[in-house]
Amino acid sequence: MIVYKLMVDLPFLAKGNQYTFDDEGYVYRVGVDGKPFEYPLRAGLAGYLWLLMTEKKYLKKMVNTGD
């Protein structure tokens, strides 16, 4: 799993939020404690974040956990 940090403010996503992307296509919000939430984001929002990942100015790679 790879953790990315959002680098810009978007209307429904706050700057600085972290998201975990896994190999199956699921995206999880990372909580304040550094752990991913139990349930993945909805498919539409997850797809939008996958799309934002293609542009370097939106998401910054933080950690590759290898899980």
Protein backbone atom coordinates (compact mmCIF):
# COMPACT_ATOMS: atom_id res chain seq x y z
CA MET A 1 0.00 0.00 0.00
CA ILE A 2 1.17 3.50 -0.79
CA VAL A 3 0.33 6.62 1.23
CA TYR A 4 -0.15 9.93 -0.57
CA LYS A 5 -0.70 13.40 0.89
CA LEU A 6 -3.09 15.87 -0.77
CA MET A 7 -1.14 19.01 -1.71
CA VAL A 8 -4.05 21.35 -2.63
CA ASP A 9 -7.40 22.32 -1.14
CA LEU A 10 -10.36 20.98 -3.07
CA PRO A 11 -14.03 21.72 -2.30
CA PHE A 12 -14.60 18.36 -0.58
CA LEU A 13 -11.04 17.25 0.22
CA ALA A 14 -8.82 19.21 2.62
CA LYS A 15 -5.18 19.99 1.95
CA GLY A 16 -2.88 17.78 4.03
CA ASN A 17 -5.20 14.76 4.22
CA GLN A 18 -3.46 11.44 3.63
CA TYR A 19 -4.85 8.52 1.65
CA THR A 20 -3.70 4.92 1.30
CA PHE A 21 -3.94 3.31 -2.15
CA ASP A 22 -3.84 -0.49 -2.32
CA ASP A 23 -3.24 -2.90 -5.19
CA GLU A 24 -6.93 -3.86 -5.52
CA GLY A 25 -7.93 -0.27 -6.33
CA TYR A 26 -9.28 0.66 -2.92
CA VAL A 27 -8.47 3.99 -1.30
CA TYR A 28 -8.58 4.56 2.45
CA ARG A 29 -8.41 7.84 4.36
CA VAL A 30 -5.58 7.87 6.91
CA GLY A 31 -6.64 9.05 10.36
CA VAL A 32 -4.84 11.36 12.76
CA ASP A 33 -3.31 8.31 14.43
CA GLY A 34 -1.61 7.33 11.15
CA LYS A 35 -3.77 4.25 10.58
CA PRO A 36 -6.06 3.83 7.57
CA PHE A 37 -9.78 3.86 8.26
CA GLU A 38 -11.51 0.48 8.41
CA TYR A 39 -13.67 1.00 5.31
CA PRO A 40 -12.53 2.26 1.88
CA LEU A 41 -13.81 5.42 0.24
CA ARG A 42 -16.74 5.16 -2.16
CA ALA A 43 -15.82 4.12 -5.69
CA GLY A 44 -16.44 7.55 -7.25
CA LEU A 45 -14.24 9.41 -4.80
CA ALA A 46 -11.57 6.72 -4.94
CA GLY A 47 -11.54 6.93 -8.74
CA TYR A 48 -11.18 10.71 -8.53
CA LEU A 49 -8.16 10.35 -6.24
CA TRP A 50 -6.61 7.77 -8.59
CA LEU A 51 -7.05 10.33 -11.38
CA LEU A 52 -5.47 13.10 -9.29
CA MET A 53 -2.51 10.83 -8.65
CA THR A 54 -1.55 11.14 -12.35
CA GLU A 55 -0.75 14.86 -11.84
CA LYS A 56 2.23 15.58 -9.56
CA LYS A 57 0.78 18.85 -8.19
CA TYR A 58 -2.18 17.20 -6.41
CA LEU A 59 -0.78 14.25 -4.45
CA LYS A 60 2.69 13.69 -3.01
CA LYS A 61 3.96 10.16 -2.32
CA MET A 62 4.74 9.80 1.37
CA VAL A 63 5.28 6.12 2.23
CA ASN A 64 5.27 2.73 0.54
CA THR A 65 4.33 0.24 3.26
CA GLY A 66 4.88 -2.84 1.11
CA ASP A 67 1.70 -4.52 2.37
